[in-house]
Protein backbone atom coordinates (compact mmCIF):
# COMPACT_ATOMS: atom_id res chain seq x y z
CA MET A 1 59.14 -46.68 29.49
CA LEU A 2 56.54 -46.91 31.84
CA SER A 3 54.06 -49.78 31.79
CA GLU A 4 50.43 -48.99 31.25
CA VAL A 5 49.69 -50.23 34.37
CA ASN A 6 51.71 -47.63 36.49
CA ALA A 7 51.74 -44.46 33.97
CA SER A 8 49.53 -41.86 35.59
CA ILE A 9 47.38 -41.42 32.30
CA PHE A 10 45.20 -44.09 33.93
CA TYR A 11 44.78 -41.67 37.56
CA GLN A 12 40.86 -41.48 37.02
CA PHE A 13 39.53 -40.25 40.16
CA ASN A 14 35.87 -40.05 39.79
CA GLY A 15 34.32 -37.74 42.51
CA GLY A 16 31.14 -39.42 44.79
CA GLU A 17 30.60 -41.69 47.94
CA ALA A 18 29.83 -44.50 45.96
CA GLN A 19 33.07 -44.67 44.11
CA ALA A 20 35.23 -43.77 47.42
CA LYS A 21 33.39 -46.83 49.04
CA ALA A 22 34.35 -48.80 46.11
CA HIS A 23 37.99 -47.82 46.17
CA LEU A 24 38.03 -47.96 49.55
CA GLU A 25 36.79 -51.84 49.38
CA SER A 26 39.00 -52.37 46.41
CA TYR A 27 42.02 -51.29 48.25
CA PHE A 28 41.58 -53.14 51.70
CA GLY A 29 40.25 -56.18 50.03
CA SER A 30 43.70 -56.88 48.08
CA GLN A 31 47.16 -57.67 49.30
CA ARG A 32 48.29 -53.89 48.65
CA PRO A 33 47.89 -52.73 52.34
CA GLN A 34 50.55 -55.65 52.97
CA THR A 35 53.10 -53.85 51.13
CA TYR A 36 52.46 -50.05 51.43
CA LYS A 37 55.69 -48.99 53.46
CA LEU A 38 57.50 -50.94 50.58
CA VAL A 39 56.20 -48.49 47.50
CA ARG A 40 54.80 -45.45 49.25
CA ASN A 41 57.66 -43.21 48.06
CA GLU A 42 57.56 -44.39 44.40
CA LEU A 43 56.85 -41.52 42.00
CA ASP A 44 54.32 -43.21 40.06
CA GLY A 45 51.84 -45.69 40.12
CA TRP A 46 48.23 -46.23 41.01
CA ASP A 47 49.04 -49.06 43.13
CA ASN A 48 51.69 -47.37 44.89
CA SER A 49 49.98 -45.60 47.35
CA THR A 50 46.45 -45.62 49.03
CA LYS A 51 44.84 -43.11 46.68
CA MET A 52 42.44 -42.05 49.49
CA SER A 53 43.26 -38.44 49.45
CA PRO A 54 40.89 -37.08 46.86
CA TRP A 55 37.63 -38.70 48.45
CA LEU A 56 39.46 -37.64 51.95
CA ALA A 57 39.38 -34.20 50.58
CA LEU A 58 35.92 -34.03 49.38
CA GLY A 59 34.47 -35.76 52.51
CA ASN A 60 33.66 -38.68 50.40
CA LEU A 61 35.38 -40.64 52.66
CA SER A 62 36.29 -39.93 56.43
CA PRO A 63 39.57 -41.04 58.10
CA ARG A 64 37.42 -43.11 60.80
CA GLN A 65 36.38 -44.99 57.47
CA VAL A 66 39.63 -45.89 56.51
CA TRP A 67 40.84 -46.57 59.87
CA TYR A 68 38.05 -49.07 60.57
CA GLU A 69 39.21 -51.25 56.99
CA VAL A 70 42.83 -50.88 58.36
CA ASN A 71 41.66 -52.57 61.40
CA LYS A 72 39.72 -54.98 59.69
CA HIS A 73 42.55 -56.02 57.32
CA GLU A 74 44.83 -56.51 60.03
CA ALA A 75 42.28 -58.87 61.92
CA LEU A 76 42.25 -61.08 58.40
CA HIS A 77 45.96 -60.73 57.59
CA GLY A 78 48.21 -59.50 60.69
CA GLU A 79 49.53 -55.92 61.57
CA ASN A 80 52.82 -55.06 59.87
CA ASP A 81 54.86 -52.18 59.15
CA SER A 82 52.54 -51.12 56.10
CA THR A 83 49.57 -50.94 57.90
CA TYR A 84 51.00 -49.05 60.82
CA TRP A 85 52.13 -46.38 58.25
CA ILE A 86 48.92 -45.98 56.40
CA LYS A 87 47.68 -45.15 60.32
CA PHE A 88 50.37 -43.00 60.95
CA GLU A 89 49.74 -41.31 57.32
CA LEU A 90 46.05 -40.89 58.49
CA LEU A 91 47.14 -39.14 61.94
CA TRP A 92 49.64 -36.88 60.26
CA ARG A 93 46.64 -35.88 58.31
CA GLU A 94 44.56 -35.30 61.50
CA PHE A 95 47.48 -33.60 63.26
CA PHE A 96 47.62 -31.10 60.24
CA HIS A 97 43.64 -30.49 60.61
CA TRP A 98 44.17 -29.57 64.39
CA TYR A 99 47.52 -27.81 63.55
CA ALA A 100 45.40 -25.51 60.81
CA HIS A 101 42.52 -24.91 62.99
CA TRP A 102 44.65 -23.88 66.17
CA HIS A 103 47.04 -21.53 64.18
CA GLY A 104 44.55 -19.91 62.00
CA ARG A 105 46.11 -17.01 60.02
CA ASP A 106 49.88 -17.88 61.06
CA LEU A 107 49.51 -20.57 58.66
CA PHE A 108 49.20 -18.03 55.97
CA LYS A 109 52.05 -15.81 57.23
CA SER A 110 55.41 -15.89 55.20
CA SER A 111 57.32 -16.58 58.38
CA GLY A 112 54.78 -19.28 59.63
CA LEU A 113 55.00 -20.11 63.53
CA LYS A 114 58.36 -18.86 63.41
CA GLU A 115 59.50 -14.71 64.92
CA ASN A 116 62.01 -14.19 62.33
CA GLU A 117 60.94 -13.01 58.78
CA ARG A 118 62.83 -13.97 55.83
CA ASP A 119 63.56 -12.50 52.70
CA TRP A 120 61.51 -14.89 50.45
CA GLY A 121 61.97 -14.31 46.52
CA GLN A 122 59.63 -13.18 44.28
CA ASP A 123 60.55 -13.58 40.63
CA GLU A 124 57.76 -14.00 38.32
CA ARG A 125 60.01 -15.66 35.66
CA VAL A 126 61.47 -18.55 38.14
CA PHE A 127 58.33 -19.23 39.61
CA GLU A 128 56.73 -19.73 36.13
CA ASN A 129 59.60 -21.98 35.49
CA TRP A 130 58.85 -23.80 38.63
CA CYS A 131 55.23 -24.30 37.29
CA SER A 132 55.57 -25.37 33.97
CA GLY A 133 58.26 -27.83 34.84
CA ASN A 134 61.03 -25.84 33.26
CA THR A 135 63.46 -25.83 36.44
CA GLY A 136 66.43 -27.58 34.72
CA TYR A 137 66.14 -30.00 37.84
CA ASP A 138 64.94 -33.28 35.89
CA ILE A 139 63.02 -34.81 38.52
CA VAL A 140 61.27 -32.26 39.53
CA ASP A 141 60.39 -31.10 35.99
CA ALA A 142 58.70 -34.73 36.08
CA CYS A 143 56.76 -34.05 39.00
CA MET A 144 55.53 -30.62 37.98
CA ASN A 145 54.66 -32.21 34.27
CA GLN A 146 52.74 -35.06 36.28
CA LEU A 147 50.84 -32.76 38.47
CA ASN A 148 49.81 -30.29 35.53
CA HIS A 149 48.28 -32.76 33.12
CA THR A 150 46.95 -35.32 36.18
CA GLY A 151 45.95 -32.92 39.04
CA PHE A 152 48.04 -35.38 40.96
CA MET A 153 51.70 -36.16 42.53
CA SER A 154 53.25 -38.64 44.76
CA ASN A 155 54.01 -37.35 48.51
CA ARG A 156 57.63 -37.89 47.74
CA GLY A 157 57.38 -35.93 44.53
CA ARG A 158 55.42 -33.18 46.43
CA GLN A 159 58.60 -32.80 49.02
CA LEU A 160 61.05 -32.85 46.20
CA VAL A 161 59.32 -29.83 43.88
CA ALA A 162 58.87 -27.85 47.20
CA SER A 163 62.51 -28.22 48.29
CA CYS A 164 63.39 -27.11 44.89
CA LEU A 165 61.18 -23.86 44.93
CA ILE A 166 62.26 -23.06 48.43
CA HIS A 167 65.81 -24.33 48.80
CA GLU A 168 66.95 -24.12 45.07
CA LEU A 169 65.08 -21.34 43.85
CA GLY A 170 64.74 -19.09 47.11
CA LEU A 171 61.02 -18.35 46.25
CA ASP A 172 58.51 -17.69 48.76
CA TRP A 173 56.99 -21.02 49.67
CA ARG A 174 53.74 -19.60 50.01
CA LEU A 175 53.31 -19.47 46.08
CA GLY A 176 53.98 -22.95 45.91
CA ALA A 177 51.30 -23.98 48.27
CA LEU A 178 48.78 -21.60 46.49
CA TYR A 179 49.92 -22.99 43.17
CA PHE A 180 48.98 -26.81 44.92
CA GLU A 181 46.02 -25.40 46.32
CA HIS A 182 45.02 -24.40 42.54
CA ASN A 183 46.14 -27.66 41.02
CA LEU A 184 45.79 -30.49 43.38
CA ILE A 185 42.79 -33.23 42.84
CA ASP A 186 43.18 -33.87 46.55
CA TYR A 187 43.85 -30.32 47.85
CA ASP A 188 43.54 -30.49 51.45
CA LEU A 189 43.84 -26.60 53.87
CA GLY A 190 45.60 -28.30 56.71
CA SER A 191 48.10 -30.74 54.70
CA ASN A 192 48.67 -29.00 51.99
CA TRP A 193 49.84 -25.52 54.05
CA GLY A 194 51.30 -27.17 56.89
CA ASN A 195 53.28 -29.40 54.58
CA TRP A 196 54.90 -26.76 52.80
CA GLN A 197 55.70 -24.60 55.93
CA TYR A 198 57.26 -28.00 57.16
CA ILE A 199 59.81 -27.99 54.19
CA ALA A 200 60.42 -24.24 54.12
CA GLY A 201 61.45 -24.46 58.32
CA VAL A 202 58.59 -22.09 59.18
CA GLY A 203 56.08 -24.57 61.14
CA ALA A 204 56.13 -26.99 63.74
CA ASP A 205 59.16 -29.01 63.19
CA ALA A 206 62.31 -28.01 65.33
CA LYS A 207 64.21 -28.69 62.22
CA PRO A 208 65.02 -25.33 60.52
CA VAL A 209 65.92 -26.68 56.93
CA ARG A 210 64.39 -29.47 55.31
CA ARG A 211 66.25 -29.76 52.04
CA PHE A 212 66.28 -32.64 49.82
CA ASP A 213 69.44 -33.43 47.62
CA LEU A 214 67.55 -34.04 44.39
CA GLU A 215 70.15 -36.21 42.42
CA LYS A 216 70.25 -38.39 45.57
CA GLN A 217 66.61 -38.59 45.18
CA THR A 218 66.79 -39.10 41.40
CA GLN A 219 69.34 -42.31 42.21
CA MET A 220 67.14 -43.48 44.88
CA TYR A 221 63.62 -42.84 43.70
CA ASP A 222 64.20 -43.09 39.61
CA PRO A 223 67.52 -44.78 38.91
CA GLU A 224 66.71 -45.56 35.27
CA ARG A 225 65.10 -42.17 34.49
CA GLU A 226 61.76 -44.11 33.29
CA PHE A 227 59.66 -41.59 35.26
CA ILE A 228 61.72 -38.53 34.34
CA ASP A 229 61.63 -39.58 30.52
CA PHE A 230 58.02 -40.30 30.61
CA TRP A 231 57.18 -36.89 32.17
CA THR A 232 59.64 -34.63 30.52
CA GLY A 233 58.69 -35.51 26.94
CA SER A 234 61.76 -37.62 26.33
CA ASP A 235 59.83 -40.03 24.54
CA ASP A 236 58.16 -37.31 21.86
CA LEU A 237 55.11 -38.44 22.91
CA ASP A 238 51.63 -36.13 22.63
CA ARG A 239 51.60 -34.79 26.06
CA GLU A 240 47.90 -34.17 25.46
CA GLU A 241 47.45 -38.05 25.37
CA ARG A 242 48.86 -38.57 28.94
CA LYS A 243 46.15 -36.45 30.51
CA CYS A 244 43.91 -38.16 33.17
CA GLY A 245 40.66 -39.27 32.45
């Protein structure tokens, strides 16, 4: 069983500038930025990513504020791969903001930036199973249950469930993007739609397919199946008790 410290039920995001600044100061006042690269792909845990995204999405924090704190932290503790990756993710977010501004309506076209239209699936039953965490792919179902009960999912989890919807279930990537739009506590237009295009192979990236091997990913990121067992109800806990906040 995941420890209480790492369980997603303790993801309690409170909106507002004061809370945002408090979290910013707490994060960069700790040693967490020194280990970010090592834990950034973990599927669960408050300390395993910066958790700045909800406040950035709401405008309670600006990317410049975060960038300033990274620089200040580096001045005190030194630069390393982890602080580099925090900056890299901020730049990736910035890229998608300009990407959305530049491409406008193409962000929502099924073909994205590509000329060739694909025959995307629209099966409502298959989509509903994906939404409710009943795909049969354990890692995907666990991630979707986490999203549905907390409003949050790790970056790695988002890539896995998107890959499943597009490449395993054959559904229109826009269905997934819309579901994320309605359910993510840190929904951001450019990052959300741009990343879905990225996985679907219809965005700016030259690689036509980004398909994740779900079994391999499970072995890499949840080898003991703790995350899966927790979020698929294998431990028979009342899922209502796992809700955030």
